[in-house]
Amino acid sequence: MSTTAREYLVHRFQSDAAVLRERVALMARGTKVPGPDAATSGRMADACDEVAAMLLAIAGNGHADAELDAIMALVPLLEHRAAEQSAVPAVRSVYAGAATRIREVRSAEAQSSQAEGNATEELDDAEAVDEDVDEDMDEADLADDDVDDDDFADDDVLFPDDRADGTP
């Protein structure tokens, strides 16, 4: 089963939120963890949840291009949220990173579509060559059939007992 761009991104940000919350839990138990403090990590997890909620708000309608266009429409909002978080670089990076991920997914989808188009063209070209080969082989089979007929004529000389009149 293939994953849509929306599903991939939702899973990505939900997973990031879960990892960040686990980080907060480790710090709450007294474990030293490099990176942002527990409060900042909690805010980053909340930002990941917000991005996932934005993505979930896009209806999965089975039309990949329309869905991807709707996801791309989130980029200006995410960039705005990133700008609002200039005082907290770690939280700003969640929103800016989300916009980057969306652009990357869009680019990957475009490359995939182009590759599929090229593969379809290559397949069409290969089928055309295959048809030419089939035609050439059919012509060769016809020529071979002519040779086989000649071989049967020589059988009378090689196997004289098979003559119609029964003479050796």
C-alpha atoms as a PDB file:
ATOM      1  CA  MET A   1       0.000   0.000   0.000  1.00  0.00           C
ATOM      2  CA  SER A   2       1.432   3.359  -0.958  1.00  0.00           C
ATOM      3  CA  THR A   3       1.550   6.280   1.435  1.00  0.00           C
ATOM      4  CA  THR A   4       0.262   9.665   0.349  1.00  0.00           C
ATOM      5  CA  ALA A   5       2.316  12.800   0.873  1.00  0.00           C
ATOM      6  CA  ARG A   6      -0.176  13.909   3.515  1.00  0.00           C
ATOM      7  CA  GLU A   7       0.063  10.605   5.407  1.00  0.00           C
ATOM      8  CA  TYR A   8       3.848  10.697   5.269  1.00  0.00           C
ATOM      9  CA  LEU A   9       4.010  14.251   6.629  1.00  0.00           C
ATOM     10  CA  VAL A  10       1.413  13.623   9.354  1.00  0.00           C
ATOM     11  CA  HIS A  11       3.321  10.540  10.500  1.00  0.00           C
ATOM     12  CA  ARG A  12       6.575  12.465  10.424  1.00  0.00           C
ATOM     13  CA  PHE A  13       5.332  15.293  12.676  1.00  0.00           C
ATOM     14  CA  GLN A  14       3.405  12.999  15.018  1.00  0.00           C
ATOM     15  CA  SER A  15       6.572  10.921  15.441  1.00  0.00           C
ATOM     16  CA  ASP A  16       8.651  14.040  16.068  1.00  0.00           C
ATOM     17  CA  ALA A  17       6.154  15.181  18.721  1.00  0.00           C
ATOM     18  CA  ALA A  18       6.311  11.772  20.422  1.00  0.00           C
ATOM     19  CA  VAL A  19      10.129  11.816  20.461  1.00  0.00           C
ATOM     20  CA  LEU A  20      10.148  15.322  21.903  1.00  0.00           C
ATOM     21  CA  ARG A  21       7.671  14.347  24.621  1.00  0.00           C
ATOM     22  CA  GLU A  22       9.832  11.338  25.484  1.00  0.00           C
ATOM     23  CA  ARG A  23      12.741  13.753  25.775  1.00  0.00           C
ATOM     24  CA  VAL A  24      10.712  15.912  28.172  1.00  0.00           C
ATOM     25  CA  ALA A  25       9.860  12.804  30.220  1.00  0.00           C
ATOM     26  CA  LEU A  26      13.538  11.812  30.416  1.00  0.00           C
ATOM     27  CA  MET A  27      14.460  15.282  31.645  1.00  0.00           C
ATOM     28  CA  ALA A  28      11.624  15.173  34.201  1.00  0.00           C
ATOM     29  CA  ARG A  29      13.211  11.966  35.612  1.00  0.00           C
ATOM     30  CA  GLY A  30      16.522  13.783  35.953  1.00  0.00           C
ATOM     31  CA  THR A  31      18.275  12.413  32.895  1.00  0.00           C
ATOM     32  CA  LYS A  32      20.634  14.912  31.312  1.00  0.00           C
ATOM     33  CA  VAL A  33      19.884  15.231  27.599  1.00  0.00           C
ATOM     34  CA  PRO A  34      21.805  17.571  25.294  1.00  0.00           C
ATOM     35  CA  GLY A  35      19.800  20.162  23.436  1.00  0.00           C
ATOM     36  CA  PRO A  36      16.876  22.381  24.366  1.00  0.00           C
ATOM     37  CA  ASP A  37      15.493  22.353  27.900  1.00  0.00           C
ATOM     38  CA  ALA A  38      12.268  20.561  28.855  1.00  0.00           C
ATOM     39  CA  ALA A  39      10.045  23.628  28.403  1.00  0.00           C
ATOM     40  CA  THR A  40      11.410  24.345  24.931  1.00  0.00           C
ATOM     41  CA  SER A  41      11.159  20.663  23.969  1.00  0.00           C
ATOM     42  CA  GLY A  42       7.525  20.690  25.116  1.00  0.00           C
ATOM     43  CA  ARG A  43       6.818  23.769  22.986  1.00  0.00           C
ATOM     44  CA  MET A  44       8.510  22.069  20.015  1.00  0.00           C
ATOM     45  CA  ALA A  45       6.297  18.998  20.534  1.00  0.00           C
ATOM     46  CA  ASP A  46       3.235  21.256  20.617  1.00  0.00           C
ATOM     47  CA  ALA A  47       4.387  22.892  17.364  1.00  0.00           C
ATOM     48  CA  CYS A  48       4.788  19.428  15.773  1.00  0.00           C
ATOM     49  CA  ASP A  49       1.257  18.563  16.909  1.00  0.00           C
ATOM     50  CA  GLU A  50      -0.002  21.824  15.390  1.00  0.00           C
ATOM     51  CA  VAL A  51       1.663  21.026  12.035  1.00  0.00           C
ATOM     52  CA  ALA A  52       0.184  17.509  12.095  1.00  0.00           C
ATOM     53  CA  ALA A  53      -3.261  18.995  12.857  1.00  0.00           C
ATOM     54  CA  MET A  54      -2.939  21.383   9.903  1.00  0.00           C
ATOM     55  CA  LEU A  55      -2.123  18.445   7.652  1.00  0.00           C
ATOM     56  CA  LEU A  56      -4.960  16.340   9.057  1.00  0.00           C
ATOM     57  CA  ALA A  57      -7.364  19.201   8.354  1.00  0.00           C
ATOM     58  CA  ILE A  58      -6.689  18.653   4.649  1.00  0.00           C
ATOM     59  CA  ALA A  59      -9.246  16.165   3.426  1.00  0.00           C
ATOM     60  CA  GLY A  60      -7.729  13.072   1.878  1.00  0.00           C
ATOM     61  CA  ASN A  61      -9.796  12.932  -1.303  1.00  0.00           C
ATOM     62  CA  GLY A  62      -7.850  10.337  -3.269  1.00  0.00           C
ATOM     63  CA  HIS A  63      -6.584  12.925  -5.753  1.00  0.00           C
ATOM     64  CA  ALA A  64      -2.859  13.164  -5.070  1.00  0.00           C
ATOM     65  CA  ASP A  65      -2.299  16.359  -7.060  1.00  0.00           C
ATOM     66  CA  ALA A  66      -5.168  18.233  -5.366  1.00  0.00           C
ATOM     67  CA  GLU A  67      -4.031  16.996  -1.959  1.00  0.00           C
ATOM     68  CA  LEU A  68      -0.466  18.095  -2.631  1.00  0.00           C
ATOM     69  CA  ASP A  69      -1.667  21.523  -3.786  1.00  0.00           C
ATOM     70  CA  ALA A  70      -3.587  21.900  -0.513  1.00  0.00           C
ATOM     71  CA  ILE A  71      -0.508  20.877   1.453  1.00  0.00           C
ATOM     72  CA  MET A  72       1.607  23.398  -0.470  1.00  0.00           C
ATOM     73  CA  ALA A  73      -0.914  26.090   0.505  1.00  0.00           C
ATOM     74  CA  LEU A  74       0.237  25.593   4.123  1.00  0.00           C
ATOM     75  CA  VAL A  75       3.773  26.797   3.354  1.00  0.00           C
ATOM     76  CA  PRO A  76       3.048  30.566   3.743  1.00  0.00           C
ATOM     77  CA  LEU A  77       1.225  29.914   7.030  1.00  0.00           C
ATOM     78  CA  LEU A  78       4.115  27.804   8.325  1.00  0.00           C
ATOM     79  CA  GLU A  79       6.616  30.459   7.299  1.00  0.00           C
ATOM     80  CA  HIS A  80       4.516  33.085   9.104  1.00  0.00           C
ATOM     81  CA  ARG A  81       4.436  30.923  12.256  1.00  0.00           C
ATOM     82  CA  ALA A  82       8.219  30.511  11.999  1.00  0.00           C
ATOM     83  CA  ALA A  83       8.650  34.287  11.813  1.00  0.00           C
ATOM     84  CA  GLU A  84       6.410  34.710  14.892  1.00  0.00           C
ATOM     85  CA  GLN A  85       8.728  32.395  16.838  1.00  0.00           C
ATOM     86  CA  SER A  86      11.922  34.356  16.165  1.00  0.00           C
ATOM     87  CA  ALA A  87      12.539  34.621  19.930  1.00  0.00           C
ATOM     88  CA  VAL A  88      12.574  30.814  20.282  1.00  0.00           C
ATOM     89  CA  PRO A  89      14.791  29.411  17.523  1.00  0.00           C
ATOM     90  CA  ALA A  90      14.048  25.758  18.363  1.00  0.00           C
ATOM     91  CA  VAL A  91      10.285  26.269  17.943  1.00  0.00           C
ATOM     92  CA  ARG A  92      10.847  28.448  14.880  1.00  0.00           C
ATOM     93  CA  SER A  93      12.806  25.555  13.360  1.00  0.00           C
ATOM     94  CA  VAL A  94       9.770  23.243  13.679  1.00  0.00           C
ATOM     95  CA  TYR A  95       7.629  25.518  11.507  1.00  0.00           C
ATOM     96  CA  ALA A  96      10.437  26.363   9.085  1.00  0.00           C
ATOM     97  CA  GLY A  97      11.338  22.675   8.912  1.00  0.00           C
ATOM     98  CA  ALA A  98       7.723  21.782   8.137  1.00  0.00           C
ATOM     99  CA  ALA A  99       7.703  24.220   5.210  1.00  0.00           C
ATOM    100  CA  THR A 100      10.974  22.706   3.987  1.00  0.00           C
ATOM    101  CA  ARG A 101       9.638  19.138   4.301  1.00  0.00           C
ATOM    102  CA  ILE A 102       6.556  20.073   2.301  1.00  0.00           C
ATOM    103  CA  ARG A 103       8.709  21.559  -0.459  1.00  0.00           C
ATOM    104  CA  GLU A 104      10.885  18.434  -0.442  1.00  0.00           C
ATOM    105  CA  VAL A 105       7.845  16.182  -0.727  1.00  0.00           C
ATOM    106  CA  ARG A 106       6.496  18.312  -3.568  1.00  0.00           C
ATOM    107  CA  SER A 107       9.838  18.088  -5.350  1.00  0.00           C
ATOM    108  CA  ALA A 108      10.043  14.320  -4.821  1.00  0.00           C
ATOM    109  CA  GLU A 109       6.496  13.881  -6.129  1.00  0.00           C
ATOM    110  CA  ALA A 110       7.319  15.973  -9.202  1.00  0.00           C
ATOM    111  CA  GLN A 111      10.450  13.903  -9.863  1.00  0.00           C
ATOM    112  CA  SER A 112       8.474  10.697  -9.346  1.00  0.00           C
ATOM    113  CA  SER A 113       5.801  11.836 -11.779  1.00  0.00           C
ATOM    114  CA  GLN A 114       8.454  12.804 -14.299  1.00  0.00           C
ATOM    115  CA  ALA A 115      10.206   9.449 -13.842  1.00  0.00           C
ATOM    116  CA  GLU A 116       6.896   7.621 -14.281  1.00  0.00           C
ATOM    117  CA  GLY A 117       6.281   9.627 -17.458  1.00  0.00           C
ATOM    118  CA  ASN A 118       9.758   8.785 -18.711  1.00  0.00           C
ATOM    119  CA  ALA A 119       9.285   5.137 -17.770  1.00  0.00           C
ATOM    120  CA  THR A 120       5.979   5.093 -19.653  1.00  0.00           C
ATOM    121  CA  GLU A 121       7.682   6.631 -22.695  1.00  0.00           C
ATOM    122  CA  GLU A 122      10.525   4.118 -22.406  1.00  0.00           C
ATOM    123  CA  LEU A 123       8.012   1.296 -22.076  1.00  0.00           C
ATOM    124  CA  ASP A 124       6.146   2.561 -25.140  1.00  0.00           C
ATOM    125  CA  ASP A 125       9.457   2.752 -27.029  1.00  0.00           C
ATOM    126  CA  ALA A 126      10.404  -0.742 -25.847  1.00  0.00           C
ATOM    127  CA  GLU A 127       7.024  -2.090 -26.927  1.00  0.00           C
ATOM    128  CA  ALA A 128       7.482  -0.492 -30.356  1.00  0.00           C
ATOM    129  CA  VAL A 129      10.917  -2.092 -30.676  1.00  0.00           C
ATOM    130  CA  ASP A 130       9.438  -5.382 -29.460  1.00  0.00           C
ATOM    131  CA  GLU A 131       6.755  -5.154 -32.145  1.00  0.00           C
ATOM    132  CA  ASP A 132       9.465  -4.534 -34.763  1.00  0.00           C
ATOM    133  CA  VAL A 133      11.389  -7.554 -33.485  1.00  0.00           C
ATOM    134  CA  ASP A 134       8.192  -9.636 -33.557  1.00  0.00           C
ATOM    135  CA  GLU A 135       7.616  -8.602 -37.179  1.00  0.00           C
ATOM    136  CA  ASP A 136      11.220  -9.459 -38.053  1.00  0.00           C
ATOM    137  CA  MET A 137      10.861 -12.811 -36.314  1.00  0.00           C
ATOM    138  CA  ASP A 138       7.594 -13.505 -38.141  1.00  0.00           C
ATOM    139  CA  GLU A 139       9.372 -12.819 -41.431  1.00  0.00           C
ATOM    140  CA  ALA A 140      12.242 -15.076 -40.349  1.00  0.00           C
ATOM    141  CA  ASP A 141       9.749 -17.802 -39.380  1.00  0.00           C
ATOM    142  CA  LEU A 142       8.191 -17.569 -42.841  1.00  0.00           C
ATOM    143  CA  ALA A 143      11.621 -17.883 -44.458  1.00  0.00           C
ATOM    144  CA  ASP A 144      12.400 -20.770 -42.096  1.00  0.00           C
ATOM    145  CA  ASP A 145       9.138 -22.461 -43.092  1.00  0.00           C
ATOM    146  CA  ASP A 146      10.273 -22.265 -46.709  1.00  0.00           C
ATOM    147  CA  VAL A 147      13.552 -23.921 -45.759  1.00  0.00           C
ATOM    148  CA  ASP A 148      11.691 -26.616 -43.805  1.00  0.00           C
ATOM    149  CA  ASP A 149       9.590 -27.376 -46.893  1.00  0.00           C
ATOM    150  CA  ASP A 150      12.790 -27.820 -48.885  1.00  0.00           C
ATOM    151  CA  ASP A 151      14.079 -30.199 -46.223  1.00  0.00           C
ATOM    152  CA  PHE A 152      10.993 -32.393 -46.631  1.00  0.00           C
ATOM    153  CA  ALA A 153      11.641 -32.614 -50.377  1.00  0.00           C
ATOM    154  CA  ASP A 154      15.134 -33.902 -49.643  1.00  0.00           C
ATOM    155  CA  ASP A 155      13.683 -36.547 -47.346  1.00  0.00           C
ATOM    156  CA  ASP A 156      12.630 -38.530 -50.444  1.00  0.00           C
ATOM    157  CA  VAL A 157      16.259 -38.850 -51.425  1.00  0.00           C
ATOM    158  CA  LEU A 158      17.449 -39.653 -47.899  1.00  0.00           C
ATOM    159  CA  PHE A 159      14.701 -42.142 -47.080  1.00  0.00           C
ATOM    160  CA  PRO A 160      13.827 -43.980 -50.288  1.00  0.00           C
ATOM    161  CA  ASP A 161      11.586 -46.492 -48.478  1.00  0.00           C
ATOM    162  CA  ASP A 162       9.061 -43.753 -47.909  1.00  0.00           C
ATOM    163  CA  ARG A 163       8.339 -43.308 -51.607  1.00  0.00           C
ATOM    164  CA  ALA A 164       4.720 -43.418 -52.584  1.00  0.00           C
ATOM    165  CA  ASP A 165       5.212 -46.238 -55.065  1.00  0.00           C
ATOM    166  CA  GLY A 166       6.937 -48.381 -52.370  1.00  0.00           C
ATOM    167  CA  THR A 167      10.066 -48.944 -54.418  1.00  0.00           C
ATOM    168  CA  PRO A 168      13.418 -48.769 -52.636  1.00  0.00           C
END
